[in-house]
Amino acid sequence: NETVKPRVEALVAEWPDAATTSGFRRHLDTGKLSEVVDWPSPGRLAQVEDITRVFERLGVETVVDLRGALGDQAKGSALREALALVRHVSPKTLDYIGTLSGISTGADLDRAAGTEDSP
């Protein structure tokens, strides 16, 4: 995604010790997220906070944890349901989270095959 990917890359570069949810939380609590990702929208910044809370509540601490949860039918369903309740999180966002975690989604496969919007 042309909007999200550069911001994720900026976070990784600026906060290299935030590779875990707890590490990310420490940085998030400084209030400097908007500066790091160059995203002044309060709604989108709140979305990041809310997604972080979901990860904390469901025990997703690492990318490996996220990949494992998404790959498990029951945990994946619970995680997707919790994330879907976050404002601005759409099915496309859920697919992108899966992609970032290293899981291919049906939408990814459709895009790769060029059949994304085929009837």
N, C-alpha and C. Protein backbone atom coordinates (compact mmCIF):
# COMPACT_ATOMS: atom_id res chain seq x y z
N ASN A 1 0.84 -1.18 0.00
CA ASN A 1 0.00 0.00 0.00
C ASN A 1 0.89 1.24 0.00
N GLU A 2 0.64 2.14 -0.91
CA GLU A 2 1.47 3.32 -1.07
C GLU A 2 1.36 4.31 0.08
N THR A 3 0.29 4.24 0.84
CA THR A 3 0.11 5.14 1.98
C THR A 3 0.72 4.56 3.24
N VAL A 4 0.49 3.29 3.48
CA VAL A 4 0.90 2.68 4.74
C VAL A 4 2.37 2.25 4.73
N LYS A 5 2.82 1.64 3.65
CA LYS A 5 4.17 1.08 3.61
C LYS A 5 5.26 2.09 3.99
N PRO A 6 5.27 3.31 3.44
CA PRO A 6 6.32 4.26 3.83
C PRO A 6 6.27 4.61 5.32
N ARG A 7 5.07 4.60 5.88
CA ARG A 7 4.94 4.91 7.31
C ARG A 7 5.46 3.76 8.17
N VAL A 8 5.18 2.54 7.74
CA VAL A 8 5.72 1.37 8.45
C VAL A 8 7.24 1.40 8.37
N GLU A 9 7.77 1.69 7.20
CA GLU A 9 9.23 1.75 7.03
C GLU A 9 9.83 2.85 7.90
N ALA A 10 9.16 4.00 8.02
CA ALA A 10 9.64 5.08 8.88
C ALA A 10 9.66 4.65 10.34
N LEU A 11 8.61 3.94 10.75
CA LEU A 11 8.57 3.43 12.13
C LEU A 11 9.71 2.48 12.41
N VAL A 12 9.95 1.56 11.50
CA VAL A 12 11.02 0.58 11.68
C VAL A 12 12.37 1.29 11.77
N ALA A 13 12.58 2.28 10.92
CA ALA A 13 13.85 3.01 10.93
C ALA A 13 14.02 3.86 12.19
N GLU A 14 12.96 4.51 12.60
CA GLU A 14 13.04 5.44 13.74
C GLU A 14 12.96 4.74 15.09
N TRP A 15 12.19 3.66 15.15
CA TRP A 15 11.99 2.94 16.41
C TRP A 15 12.41 1.48 16.26
N PRO A 16 13.68 1.20 16.03
CA PRO A 16 14.10 -0.19 15.78
C PRO A 16 13.85 -1.12 16.96
N ASP A 17 13.75 -0.57 18.16
CA ASP A 17 13.50 -1.41 19.33
C ASP A 17 12.00 -1.61 19.59
N ALA A 18 11.18 -1.22 18.64
CA ALA A 18 9.73 -1.37 18.77
C ALA A 18 9.22 -2.55 17.97
N ALA A 19 10.02 -3.60 17.89
CA ALA A 19 9.64 -4.79 17.11
C ALA A 19 8.65 -5.67 17.86
N THR A 20 8.35 -5.32 19.09
CA THR A 20 7.34 -6.04 19.88
C THR A 20 6.22 -5.07 20.22
N THR A 21 5.08 -5.61 20.58
CA THR A 21 3.97 -4.74 20.96
C THR A 21 4.33 -3.91 22.18
N SER A 22 4.99 -4.52 23.17
CA SER A 22 5.36 -3.76 24.37
C SER A 22 6.39 -2.68 24.05
N GLY A 23 7.34 -2.98 23.16
CA GLY A 23 8.31 -1.97 22.74
C GLY A 23 7.64 -0.84 21.97
N PHE A 24 6.70 -1.21 21.11
CA PHE A 24 5.95 -0.21 20.37
C PHE A 24 5.13 0.65 21.32
N ARG A 25 4.53 0.02 22.33
CA ARG A 25 3.72 0.76 23.31
C ARG A 25 4.56 1.82 24.01
N ARG A 26 5.80 1.46 24.40
CA ARG A 26 6.67 2.44 25.07
C ARG A 26 6.85 3.68 24.19
N HIS A 27 7.08 3.48 22.92
CA HIS A 27 7.24 4.61 22.01
C HIS A 27 5.91 5.33 21.79
N LEU A 28 4.85 4.59 21.63
CA LEU A 28 3.54 5.18 21.39
C LEU A 28 3.16 6.11 22.54
N ASP A 29 3.51 5.71 23.76
CA ASP A 29 3.16 6.52 24.93
C ASP A 29 3.93 7.84 25.02
N THR A 30 4.96 8.01 24.18
CA THR A 30 5.69 9.29 24.16
C THR A 30 4.91 10.37 23.42
N GLY A 31 3.90 9.96 22.64
CA GLY A 31 3.11 10.93 21.89
C GLY A 31 3.76 11.43 20.62
N LYS A 32 4.81 10.76 20.16
CA LYS A 32 5.55 11.23 18.98
C LYS A 32 5.23 10.47 17.70
N LEU A 33 4.21 9.62 17.73
CA LEU A 33 3.88 8.83 16.54
C LEU A 33 3.62 9.72 15.32
N SER A 34 2.87 10.79 15.50
CA SER A 34 2.53 11.66 14.39
C SER A 34 3.77 12.21 13.70
N GLU A 35 4.79 12.56 14.48
CA GLU A 35 6.03 13.08 13.91
C GLU A 35 6.78 12.01 13.13
N VAL A 36 6.83 10.81 13.68
CA VAL A 36 7.60 9.73 13.07
C VAL A 36 6.99 9.29 11.74
N VAL A 37 5.68 9.17 11.70
CA VAL A 37 5.03 8.67 10.49
C VAL A 37 4.49 9.79 9.59
N ASP A 38 4.67 11.04 10.02
CA ASP A 38 4.20 12.18 9.24
C ASP A 38 2.73 12.00 8.86
N TRP A 39 1.93 11.75 9.89
CA TRP A 39 0.50 11.51 9.69
C TRP A 39 -0.27 12.28 10.75
N PRO A 40 -0.72 13.48 10.42
CA PRO A 40 -1.36 14.33 11.42
C PRO A 40 -2.81 13.97 11.75
N SER A 41 -3.41 13.05 11.02
CA SER A 41 -4.82 12.73 11.22
C SER A 41 -5.07 12.09 12.59
N PRO A 42 -5.82 12.77 13.47
CA PRO A 42 -6.10 12.20 14.79
C PRO A 42 -6.83 10.86 14.70
N GLY A 43 -7.71 10.71 13.71
CA GLY A 43 -8.45 9.46 13.56
C GLY A 43 -7.54 8.29 13.24
N ARG A 44 -6.58 8.50 12.36
CA ARG A 44 -5.65 7.42 12.00
C ARG A 44 -4.68 7.13 13.13
N LEU A 45 -4.28 8.15 13.86
CA LEU A 45 -3.40 7.93 15.01
C LEU A 45 -4.14 7.14 16.09
N ALA A 46 -5.42 7.45 16.29
CA ALA A 46 -6.24 6.69 17.24
C ALA A 46 -6.38 5.25 16.78
N GLN A 47 -6.46 5.04 15.47
CA GLN A 47 -6.55 3.69 14.93
C GLN A 47 -5.31 2.87 15.32
N VAL A 48 -4.14 3.47 15.21
CA VAL A 48 -2.90 2.77 15.59
C VAL A 48 -2.96 2.41 17.08
N GLU A 49 -3.40 3.34 17.90
CA GLU A 49 -3.54 3.10 19.34
C GLU A 49 -4.51 1.94 19.58
N ASP A 50 -5.64 1.96 18.91
CA ASP A 50 -6.65 0.92 19.11
C ASP A 50 -6.18 -0.45 18.64
N ILE A 51 -5.47 -0.49 17.52
CA ILE A 51 -4.92 -1.77 17.04
C ILE A 51 -3.90 -2.30 18.05
N THR A 52 -3.09 -1.40 18.59
CA THR A 52 -2.11 -1.81 19.60
C THR A 52 -2.82 -2.40 20.82
N ARG A 53 -3.91 -1.77 21.24
CA ARG A 53 -4.68 -2.30 22.38
C ARG A 53 -5.21 -3.71 22.09
N VAL A 54 -5.68 -3.94 20.88
CA VAL A 54 -6.17 -5.27 20.50
C VAL A 54 -5.03 -6.28 20.61
N PHE A 55 -3.87 -5.94 20.07
CA PHE A 55 -2.72 -6.84 20.16
C PHE A 55 -2.37 -7.12 21.62
N GLU A 56 -2.37 -6.08 22.46
CA GLU A 56 -2.05 -6.27 23.88
C GLU A 56 -3.08 -7.19 24.54
N ARG A 57 -4.34 -6.92 24.30
CA ARG A 57 -5.42 -7.69 24.93
C ARG A 57 -5.37 -9.16 24.53
N LEU A 58 -5.00 -9.43 23.27
CA LEU A 58 -5.01 -10.80 22.77
C LEU A 58 -3.64 -11.47 22.84
N GLY A 59 -2.67 -10.80 23.46
CA GLY A 59 -1.36 -11.41 23.66
C GLY A 59 -0.50 -11.52 22.42
N VAL A 60 -0.70 -10.62 21.48
CA VAL A 60 0.13 -10.60 20.26
C VAL A 60 1.31 -9.67 20.54
N GLU A 61 2.46 -10.26 20.81
CA GLU A 61 3.65 -9.49 21.18
C GLU A 61 4.63 -9.35 20.02
N THR A 62 4.68 -10.32 19.13
CA THR A 62 5.66 -10.30 18.03
C THR A 62 4.96 -10.60 16.70
N VAL A 63 5.70 -10.41 15.62
CA VAL A 63 5.17 -10.76 14.29
C VAL A 63 4.90 -12.26 14.23
N VAL A 64 5.75 -13.03 14.88
CA VAL A 64 5.54 -14.49 14.92
C VAL A 64 4.23 -14.81 15.63
N ASP A 65 3.95 -14.11 16.74
CA ASP A 65 2.67 -14.29 17.44
C ASP A 65 1.50 -13.93 16.52
N LEU A 66 1.64 -12.82 15.81
CA LEU A 66 0.58 -12.37 14.90
C LEU A 66 0.34 -13.40 13.80
N ARG A 67 1.42 -13.86 13.19
CA ARG A 67 1.31 -14.87 12.14
C ARG A 67 0.66 -16.14 12.68
N GLY A 68 1.07 -16.55 13.88
CA GLY A 68 0.50 -17.74 14.49
C GLY A 68 -0.98 -17.58 14.79
N ALA A 69 -1.35 -16.41 15.32
CA ALA A 69 -2.76 -16.17 15.63
C ALA A 69 -3.60 -16.16 14.36
N LEU A 70 -3.10 -15.49 13.33
CA LEU A 70 -3.86 -15.43 12.08
C LEU A 70 -3.94 -16.78 11.39
N GLY A 71 -2.95 -17.62 11.62
CA GLY A 71 -2.94 -18.95 11.02
C GLY A 71 -3.76 -19.97 11.76
N ASP A 72 -4.19 -19.64 12.97
CA ASP A 72 -5.01 -20.53 13.79
C ASP A 72 -6.48 -20.13 13.60
N GLN A 73 -7.33 -21.09 13.29
CA GLN A 73 -8.72 -20.76 12.97
C GLN A 73 -9.42 -20.00 14.09
N ALA A 74 -9.37 -20.50 15.31
CA ALA A 74 -10.09 -19.86 16.42
C ALA A 74 -9.45 -18.53 16.80
N LYS A 75 -8.13 -18.53 16.99
CA LYS A 75 -7.44 -17.29 17.36
C LYS A 75 -7.53 -16.25 16.24
N GLY A 76 -7.39 -16.72 15.01
CA GLY A 76 -7.47 -15.80 13.88
C GLY A 76 -8.83 -15.15 13.76
N SER A 77 -9.86 -15.93 14.00
CA SER A 77 -11.22 -15.41 13.95
C SER A 77 -11.43 -14.36 15.04
N ALA A 78 -10.97 -14.66 16.26
CA ALA A 78 -11.10 -13.72 17.37
C ALA A 78 -10.32 -12.44 17.10
N LEU A 79 -9.12 -12.58 16.57
CA LEU A 79 -8.29 -11.42 16.27
C LEU A 79 -8.92 -10.57 15.18
N ARG A 80 -9.37 -11.20 14.12
CA ARG A 80 -10.00 -10.45 13.02
C ARG A 80 -11.27 -9.74 13.50
N GLU A 81 -12.05 -10.42 14.33
CA GLU A 81 -13.28 -9.80 14.86
C GLU A 81 -12.93 -8.58 15.72
N ALA A 82 -11.92 -8.72 16.58
CA ALA A 82 -11.52 -7.60 17.44
C ALA A 82 -10.97 -6.44 16.61
N LEU A 83 -10.15 -6.74 15.62
CA LEU A 83 -9.60 -5.69 14.77
C LEU A 83 -10.68 -5.03 13.92
N ALA A 84 -11.67 -5.79 13.49
CA ALA A 84 -12.75 -5.24 12.66
C ALA A 84 -13.59 -4.22 13.42
N LEU A 85 -13.54 -4.26 14.75
CA LEU A 85 -14.27 -3.29 15.56
C LEU A 85 -13.55 -1.95 15.67
N VAL A 86 -12.29 -1.92 15.27
CA VAL A 86 -11.50 -0.69 15.32
C VAL A 86 -11.93 0.21 14.16
N ARG A 87 -12.15 1.47 14.46
CA ARG A 87 -12.57 2.44 13.44
C ARG A 87 -11.53 2.48 12.31
N HIS A 88 -11.99 2.52 11.10
CA HIS A 88 -11.18 2.58 9.88
C HIS A 88 -10.52 1.25 9.51
N VAL A 89 -10.77 0.18 10.25
CA VAL A 89 -10.20 -1.12 9.87
C VAL A 89 -11.23 -1.83 9.01
N SER A 90 -10.88 -2.00 7.75
CA SER A 90 -11.75 -2.63 6.77
C SER A 90 -11.21 -4.02 6.43
N PRO A 91 -11.94 -4.78 5.66
CA PRO A 91 -11.38 -6.07 5.20
C PRO A 91 -10.04 -5.89 4.49
N LYS A 92 -9.89 -4.79 3.75
CA LYS A 92 -8.62 -4.51 3.07
C LYS A 92 -7.50 -4.32 4.11
N THR A 93 -7.80 -3.62 5.20
CA THR A 93 -6.82 -3.41 6.27
C THR A 93 -6.44 -4.75 6.89
N LEU A 94 -7.43 -5.59 7.13
CA LEU A 94 -7.15 -6.91 7.71
C LEU A 94 -6.27 -7.73 6.78
N ASP A 95 -6.54 -7.67 5.48
CA ASP A 95 -5.69 -8.36 4.51
C ASP A 95 -4.26 -7.83 4.57
N TYR A 96 -4.13 -6.51 4.68
CA TYR A 96 -2.80 -5.90 4.70
C TYR A 96 -2.04 -6.29 5.96
N ILE A 97 -2.72 -6.36 7.09
CA ILE A 97 -2.08 -6.82 8.33
C ILE A 97 -1.57 -8.24 8.13
N GLY A 98 -2.39 -9.08 7.51
CA GLY A 98 -1.96 -10.44 7.22
C GLY A 98 -0.74 -10.47 6.31
N THR A 99 -0.75 -9.63 5.28
CA THR A 99 0.38 -9.55 4.36
C THR A 99 1.64 -9.11 5.10
N LEU A 100 1.53 -8.09 5.94
CA LEU A 100 2.69 -7.62 6.70
C LEU A 100 3.23 -8.69 7.64
N SER A 101 2.34 -9.56 8.11
CA SER A 101 2.78 -10.63 9.02
C SER A 101 3.41 -11.80 8.28
N GLY A 102 3.26 -11.81 6.96
CA GLY A 102 3.83 -12.89 6.16
C GLY A 102 2.82 -13.94 5.74
N ILE A 103 1.54 -13.66 5.96
CA ILE A 103 0.49 -14.59 5.56
C ILE A 103 -0.14 -14.09 4.28
N SER A 104 -0.27 -14.95 3.28
CA SER A 104 -0.96 -14.59 2.05
C SER A 104 -2.45 -14.74 2.27
N THR A 105 -3.19 -13.77 1.79
CA THR A 105 -4.65 -13.80 1.93
C THR A 105 -5.27 -14.08 0.58
N GLY A 106 -6.53 -14.37 0.57
CA GLY A 106 -7.25 -14.58 -0.68
C GLY A 106 -7.17 -13.37 -1.58
N ALA A 107 -7.26 -12.18 -1.00
CA ALA A 107 -7.18 -10.96 -1.80
C ALA A 107 -5.80 -10.83 -2.43
N ASP A 108 -4.75 -11.21 -1.69
CA ASP A 108 -3.40 -11.17 -2.25
C ASP A 108 -3.30 -12.08 -3.46
N LEU A 109 -3.85 -13.27 -3.32
CA LEU A 109 -3.79 -14.23 -4.42
C LEU A 109 -4.58 -13.73 -5.62
N ASP A 110 -5.74 -13.10 -5.36
CA ASP A 110 -6.55 -12.54 -6.44
C ASP A 110 -5.77 -11.44 -7.18
N ARG A 111 -5.11 -10.55 -6.41
CA ARG A 111 -4.34 -9.48 -7.03
C ARG A 111 -3.21 -10.05 -7.88
N ALA A 112 -2.51 -11.04 -7.34
CA ALA A 112 -1.39 -11.65 -8.07
C ALA A 112 -1.87 -12.31 -9.36
N ALA A 113 -3.07 -12.87 -9.32
CA ALA A 113 -3.62 -13.55 -10.50
C ALA A 113 -4.32 -12.58 -11.44
N GLY A 114 -4.49 -11.33 -10.99
CA GLY A 114 -5.17 -10.34 -11.82
C GLY A 114 -6.68 -10.52 -11.86
N THR A 115 -7.24 -11.18 -10.84
CA THR A 115 -8.69 -11.44 -10.82
C THR A 115 -9.37 -10.75 -9.66
N GLU A 116 -8.76 -9.71 -9.12
CA GLU A 116 -9.27 -9.07 -7.91
C GLU A 116 -10.74 -8.69 -7.98
N ASP A 117 -11.17 -8.07 -9.05
CA ASP A 117 -12.55 -7.61 -9.13
C ASP A 117 -13.36 -8.37 -10.17
N SER A 118 -12.92 -9.53 -10.52
CA SER A 118 -13.66 -10.32 -11.51
C SER A 118 -14.95 -10.86 -10.93
N PRO A 119 -16.02 -10.93 -11.74
CA PRO A 119 -17.30 -11.45 -11.23
C PRO A 119 -17.24 -12.95 -10.99
